[in-house]
Amino acid sequence: MNQVLIALLLLISLPGLADDGLRTYPPTPEKRELVLHVLKVGPSALERSYDYEEYIDAAIDWYCKGDATILLPLLNAEVDGCNSEALGMFLGKELQQNPELIIKRLSSFPATTQKHAAILGSAADGAGWPPATSKTMRSNLAKLMKSPDPAIRKTAKLWLSTLVKFEKQQQKMG
């Protein structure tokens, strides 16, 4: 199994071969295993660390196409500025478009992972969300805080408080 991963990593790290096939859905078992491995290990798993963003993007694409199981490895992946922007934009958009689904999925994760997701989703690309978008997010979260499911209520409350804190910080800075 490790030999397969090493061979795939070598192929993908060759110039011109960081293929768009990473985003093919559903992925082959080998590509899925490779992406999960790279998300777990981080950029150091690759010869060219700047290719790491392709793996983050592939995981986001897979989630958007229906692979809910990729969400936890994606949130546990090592992030830097560029990757945190991609994850933040993705999470914020999910909160706008599929609020109940993303909060329900996040509610099953450890509290630290939920908080990490809330911070990324609140910050978006680092500058936060436009006022109208932020208002939609707050409204969605307020509705979810009335859910009969206590885990969903708790996760929505965490995200809402994180979003409000982020917005207050942004107001102080700007």
C-alpha atoms as a PDB file:
ATOM      1  CA  MET A   1       0.000   0.000   0.000  1.00  0.00           C
ATOM      2  CA  ASN A   2       2.801   2.440   0.890  1.00  0.00           C
ATOM      3  CA  GLN A   3       4.521   1.610  -2.397  1.00  0.00           C
ATOM      4  CA  VAL A   4       1.377   2.638  -4.263  1.00  0.00           C
ATOM      5  CA  LEU A   5       1.259   5.945  -2.376  1.00  0.00           C
ATOM      6  CA  ILE A   6       4.931   6.609  -3.028  1.00  0.00           C
ATOM      7  CA  ALA A   7       4.517   5.842  -6.733  1.00  0.00           C
ATOM      8  CA  LEU A   8       1.470   8.109  -6.998  1.00  0.00           C
ATOM      9  CA  LEU A   9       3.221  10.893  -5.113  1.00  0.00           C
ATOM     10  CA  LEU A  10       6.226  10.661  -7.415  1.00  0.00           C
ATOM     11  CA  LEU A  11       4.048  10.757 -10.521  1.00  0.00           C
ATOM     12  CA  ILE A  12       2.051  13.732  -9.334  1.00  0.00           C
ATOM     13  CA  SER A  13       5.121  15.649  -8.223  1.00  0.00           C
ATOM     14  CA  LEU A  14       6.664  15.521 -11.710  1.00  0.00           C
ATOM     15  CA  PRO A  15       6.288  18.824 -13.571  1.00  0.00           C
ATOM     16  CA  GLY A  16       3.131  18.926 -15.660  1.00  0.00           C
ATOM     17  CA  LEU A  17       1.598  15.867 -14.051  1.00  0.00           C
ATOM     18  CA  ALA A  18      -0.301  17.428 -11.158  1.00  0.00           C
ATOM     19  CA  ASP A  19      -3.323  16.326 -13.140  1.00  0.00           C
ATOM     20  CA  ASP A  20      -6.794  17.733 -13.151  1.00  0.00           C
ATOM     21  CA  GLY A  21      -7.861  14.121 -12.678  1.00  0.00           C
ATOM     22  CA  LEU A  22      -7.576  14.687  -8.930  1.00  0.00           C
ATOM     23  CA  ARG A  23     -10.958  16.348  -9.164  1.00  0.00           C
ATOM     24  CA  THR A  24     -12.564  13.486 -11.077  1.00  0.00           C
ATOM     25  CA  TYR A  25     -15.596  12.269  -9.192  1.00  0.00           C
ATOM     26  CA  PRO A  26     -15.962   9.711  -7.960  1.00  0.00           C
ATOM     27  CA  PRO A  27     -12.232   9.310  -7.467  1.00  0.00           C
ATOM     28  CA  THR A  28     -10.541   5.988  -7.943  1.00  0.00           C
ATOM     29  CA  PRO A  29      -9.710   4.253  -4.656  1.00  0.00           C
ATOM     30  CA  GLU A  30      -6.028   5.035  -5.286  1.00  0.00           C
ATOM     31  CA  LYS A  31      -6.652   8.759  -5.824  1.00  0.00           C
ATOM     32  CA  ARG A  32      -8.900   8.909  -2.785  1.00  0.00           C
ATOM     33  CA  GLU A  33      -6.236   7.226  -0.668  1.00  0.00           C
ATOM     34  CA  LEU A  34      -3.592   9.570  -2.034  1.00  0.00           C
ATOM     35  CA  VAL A  35      -5.633  12.701  -1.304  1.00  0.00           C
ATOM     36  CA  LEU A  36      -6.462  11.469   2.201  1.00  0.00           C
ATOM     37  CA  HIS A  37      -2.770  10.730   2.797  1.00  0.00           C
ATOM     38  CA  VAL A  38      -1.688  14.171   1.602  1.00  0.00           C
ATOM     39  CA  LEU A  39      -4.376  15.873   3.711  1.00  0.00           C
ATOM     40  CA  LYS A  40      -3.213  13.915   6.752  1.00  0.00           C
ATOM     41  CA  VAL A  41       0.531  14.478   6.283  1.00  0.00           C
ATOM     42  CA  GLY A  42       0.382  17.998   4.856  1.00  0.00           C
ATOM     43  CA  PRO A  43       2.489  19.726   2.210  1.00  0.00           C
ATOM     44  CA  SER A  44       5.578  17.823   3.307  1.00  0.00           C
ATOM     45  CA  ALA A  45       4.064  14.758   1.598  1.00  0.00           C
ATOM     46  CA  LEU A  46       4.710  16.401  -1.759  1.00  0.00           C
ATOM     47  CA  GLU A  47       7.901  17.244  -3.576  1.00  0.00           C
ATOM     48  CA  ARG A  48       6.426  20.644  -4.462  1.00  0.00           C
ATOM     49  CA  SER A  49       4.515  21.972  -1.483  1.00  0.00           C
ATOM     50  CA  TYR A  50       2.612  24.463  -3.631  1.00  0.00           C
ATOM     51  CA  ASP A  51       0.753  21.483  -5.180  1.00  0.00           C
ATOM     52  CA  TYR A  52      -0.927  20.975  -1.795  1.00  0.00           C
ATOM     53  CA  GLU A  53      -3.666  23.425  -2.713  1.00  0.00           C
ATOM     54  CA  GLU A  54      -4.719  21.072  -5.528  1.00  0.00           C
ATOM     55  CA  TYR A  55      -5.407  18.380  -2.951  1.00  0.00           C
ATOM     56  CA  ILE A  56      -7.432  20.768  -0.800  1.00  0.00           C
ATOM     57  CA  ASP A  57      -9.397  21.840  -3.878  1.00  0.00           C
ATOM     58  CA  ALA A  58      -9.991  18.215  -4.903  1.00  0.00           C
ATOM     59  CA  ALA A  59     -11.367  17.382  -1.455  1.00  0.00           C
ATOM     60  CA  ILE A  60     -13.658  20.434  -1.573  1.00  0.00           C
ATOM     61  CA  ASP A  61     -14.881  19.378  -5.021  1.00  0.00           C
ATOM     62  CA  TRP A  62     -15.573  15.846  -3.817  1.00  0.00           C
ATOM     63  CA  TYR A  63     -17.539  17.165  -0.853  1.00  0.00           C
ATOM     64  CA  CYS A  64     -19.590  19.443  -3.117  1.00  0.00           C
ATOM     65  CA  LYS A  65     -20.312  16.469  -5.368  1.00  0.00           C
ATOM     66  CA  GLY A  66     -21.630  14.400  -2.484  1.00  0.00           C
ATOM     67  CA  ASP A  67     -18.708  12.896  -0.552  1.00  0.00           C
ATOM     68  CA  ALA A  68     -19.540  13.911   3.009  1.00  0.00           C
ATOM     69  CA  THR A  69     -16.856  11.591   4.419  1.00  0.00           C
ATOM     70  CA  ILE A  70     -14.101  13.884   3.113  1.00  0.00           C
ATOM     71  CA  LEU A  71     -15.200  16.791   5.336  1.00  0.00           C
ATOM     72  CA  LEU A  72     -13.433  15.718   8.539  1.00  0.00           C
ATOM     73  CA  PRO A  73     -10.062  14.965   6.857  1.00  0.00           C
ATOM     74  CA  LEU A  74     -10.401  18.267   5.006  1.00  0.00           C
ATOM     75  CA  LEU A  75     -10.976  20.205   8.230  1.00  0.00           C
ATOM     76  CA  ASN A  76      -8.086  18.403   9.916  1.00  0.00           C
ATOM     77  CA  ALA A  77      -5.712  19.214   7.043  1.00  0.00           C
ATOM     78  CA  GLU A  78      -2.796  21.558   7.590  1.00  0.00           C
ATOM     79  CA  VAL A  79      -3.760  25.009   6.341  1.00  0.00           C
ATOM     80  CA  ASP A  80      -1.816  28.124   5.531  1.00  0.00           C
ATOM     81  CA  GLY A  81      -2.961  31.472   4.182  1.00  0.00           C
ATOM     82  CA  CYS A  82      -4.044  30.393   0.722  1.00  0.00           C
ATOM     83  CA  ASN A  83      -5.573  27.100   1.816  1.00  0.00           C
ATOM     84  CA  SER A  84      -7.372  28.718   4.735  1.00  0.00           C
ATOM     85  CA  GLU A  85      -8.950  31.165   2.292  1.00  0.00           C
ATOM     86  CA  ALA A  86     -10.185  28.315   0.084  1.00  0.00           C
ATOM     87  CA  LEU A  87     -11.564  26.423   3.082  1.00  0.00           C
ATOM     88  CA  GLY A  88     -13.093  29.557   4.574  1.00  0.00           C
ATOM     89  CA  MET A  89     -14.863  30.477   1.359  1.00  0.00           C
ATOM     90  CA  PHE A  90     -16.106  26.906   0.952  1.00  0.00           C
ATOM     91  CA  LEU A  91     -17.440  26.674   4.529  1.00  0.00           C
ATOM     92  CA  GLY A  92     -19.067  30.083   4.398  1.00  0.00           C
ATOM     93  CA  LYS A  93     -20.784  29.280   1.112  1.00  0.00           C
ATOM     94  CA  GLU A  94     -22.018  26.002   2.544  1.00  0.00           C
ATOM     95  CA  LEU A  95     -23.436  27.889   5.510  1.00  0.00           C
ATOM     96  CA  GLN A  96     -25.271  30.184   3.105  1.00  0.00           C
ATOM     97  CA  GLN A  97     -26.505  27.533   0.664  1.00  0.00           C
ATOM     98  CA  ASN A  98     -26.840  24.385   2.799  1.00  0.00           C
ATOM     99  CA  PRO A  99     -26.867  25.632   6.393  1.00  0.00           C
ATOM    100  CA  GLU A 100     -28.681  22.722   8.013  1.00  0.00           C
ATOM    101  CA  LEU A 101     -26.568  20.116   6.247  1.00  0.00           C
ATOM    102  CA  ILE A 102     -23.168  21.642   7.024  1.00  0.00           C
ATOM    103  CA  ILE A 103     -24.059  22.374  10.663  1.00  0.00           C
ATOM    104  CA  LYS A 104     -25.487  18.875  11.109  1.00  0.00           C
ATOM    105  CA  ARG A 105     -22.300  17.338   9.727  1.00  0.00           C
ATOM    106  CA  LEU A 106     -20.069  19.600  11.787  1.00  0.00           C
ATOM    107  CA  SER A 107     -22.060  18.853  14.944  1.00  0.00           C
ATOM    108  CA  SER A 108     -20.761  15.273  14.928  1.00  0.00           C
ATOM    109  CA  PHE A 109     -17.116  16.410  14.963  1.00  0.00           C
ATOM    110  CA  PRO A 110     -14.961  17.237  18.000  1.00  0.00           C
ATOM    111  CA  ALA A 111     -15.435  20.724  19.474  1.00  0.00           C
ATOM    112  CA  THR A 112     -11.977  21.851  18.345  1.00  0.00           C
ATOM    113  CA  THR A 113     -12.787  20.909  14.750  1.00  0.00           C
ATOM    114  CA  GLN A 114     -16.120  22.721  14.957  1.00  0.00           C
ATOM    115  CA  LYS A 115     -14.375  25.849  16.273  1.00  0.00           C
ATOM    116  CA  HIS A 116     -11.733  25.624  13.530  1.00  0.00           C
ATOM    117  CA  ALA A 117     -14.489  25.401  10.889  1.00  0.00           C
ATOM    118  CA  ALA A 118     -16.352  28.345  12.432  1.00  0.00           C
ATOM    119  CA  ILE A 119     -13.215  30.503  12.407  1.00  0.00           C
ATOM    120  CA  LEU A 120     -12.390  29.629   8.803  1.00  0.00           C
ATOM    121  CA  GLY A 121     -15.979  30.090   7.640  1.00  0.00           C
ATOM    122  CA  SER A 122     -16.357  33.398   9.456  1.00  0.00           C
ATOM    123  CA  ALA A 123     -13.122  34.820   8.083  1.00  0.00           C
ATOM    124  CA  ALA A 124     -13.750  33.705   4.477  1.00  0.00           C
ATOM    125  CA  ASP A 125     -10.727  35.027   2.604  1.00  0.00           C
ATOM    126  CA  GLY A 126      -9.492  36.864   5.684  1.00  0.00           C
ATOM    127  CA  ALA A 127     -11.589  39.975   5.171  1.00  0.00           C
ATOM    128  CA  GLY A 128     -14.886  38.474   6.249  1.00  0.00           C
ATOM    129  CA  TRP A 129     -18.124  38.518   4.316  1.00  0.00           C
ATOM    130  CA  PRO A 130     -20.059  41.403   2.773  1.00  0.00           C
ATOM    131  CA  PRO A 131     -22.781  42.699   5.134  1.00  0.00           C
ATOM    132  CA  ALA A 132     -25.688  41.107   3.230  1.00  0.00           C
ATOM    133  CA  THR A 133     -23.971  37.726   3.166  1.00  0.00           C
ATOM    134  CA  SER A 134     -23.077  37.952   6.823  1.00  0.00           C
ATOM    135  CA  LYS A 135     -26.694  38.815   7.616  1.00  0.00           C
ATOM    136  CA  THR A 136     -27.851  35.683   5.749  1.00  0.00           C
ATOM    137  CA  MET A 137     -25.337  33.575   7.656  1.00  0.00           C
ATOM    138  CA  ARG A 138     -26.454  34.991  11.014  1.00  0.00           C
ATOM    139  CA  SER A 139     -30.102  34.413  10.100  1.00  0.00           C
ATOM    140  CA  ASN A 140     -29.407  30.808   9.080  1.00  0.00           C
ATOM    141  CA  LEU A 141     -27.528  30.176  12.307  1.00  0.00           C
ATOM    142  CA  ALA A 142     -30.268  31.769  14.418  1.00  0.00           C
ATOM    143  CA  LYS A 143     -32.821  29.428  12.814  1.00  0.00           C
ATOM    144  CA  LEU A 144     -30.593  26.425  13.478  1.00  0.00           C
ATOM    145  CA  MET A 145     -30.254  27.445  17.116  1.00  0.00           C
ATOM    146  CA  LYS A 146     -33.968  26.570  17.404  1.00  0.00           C
ATOM    147  CA  SER A 147     -33.410  23.030  16.107  1.00  0.00           C
ATOM    148  CA  PRO A 148     -34.814  20.172  18.186  1.00  0.00           C
ATOM    149  CA  ASP A 149     -31.361  18.545  17.932  1.00  0.00           C
ATOM    150  CA  PRO A 150     -29.153  19.794  20.800  1.00  0.00           C
ATOM    151  CA  ALA A 151     -25.945  19.068  18.869  1.00  0.00           C
ATOM    152  CA  ILE A 152     -27.095  21.245  15.976  1.00  0.00           C
ATOM    153  CA  ARG A 153     -28.136  24.018  18.386  1.00  0.00           C
ATOM    154  CA  LYS A 154     -24.749  23.914  20.088  1.00  0.00           C
ATOM    155  CA  THR A 155     -22.781  23.971  16.811  1.00  0.00           C
ATOM    156  CA  ALA A 156     -24.911  26.801  15.398  1.00  0.00           C
ATOM    157  CA  LYS A 157     -24.403  28.808  18.595  1.00  0.00           C
ATOM    158  CA  LEU A 158     -20.630  28.260  18.445  1.00  0.00           C
ATOM    159  CA  TRP A 159     -20.473  29.375  14.819  1.00  0.00           C
ATOM    160  CA  LEU A 160     -22.723  32.399  15.426  1.00  0.00           C
ATOM    161  CA  SER A 161     -20.637  33.588  18.380  1.00  0.00           C
ATOM    162  CA  THR A 162     -17.466  33.106  16.315  1.00  0.00           C
ATOM    163  CA  LEU A 163     -18.937  35.058  13.411  1.00  0.00           C
ATOM    164  CA  VAL A 164     -20.050  37.918  15.677  1.00  0.00           C
ATOM    165  CA  LYS A 165     -16.603  38.069  17.363  1.00  0.00           C
ATOM    166  CA  PHE A 166     -14.866  38.104  13.983  1.00  0.00           C
ATOM    167  CA  GLU A 167     -17.111  40.914  12.732  1.00  0.00           C
ATOM    168  CA  LYS A 168     -16.446  42.975  15.885  1.00  0.00           C
ATOM    169  CA  GLN A 169     -12.700  42.529  15.388  1.00  0.00           C
ATOM    170  CA  GLN A 170     -13.034  43.601  11.774  1.00  0.00           C
ATOM    171  CA  GLN A 171     -14.969  46.731  12.804  1.00  0.00           C
ATOM    172  CA  LYS A 172     -12.258  47.687  15.319  1.00  0.00           C
ATOM    173  CA  MET A 173      -9.583  47.293  12.650  1.00  0.00           C
ATOM    174  CA  GLY A 174     -11.365  49.120   9.894  1.00  0.00           C
END
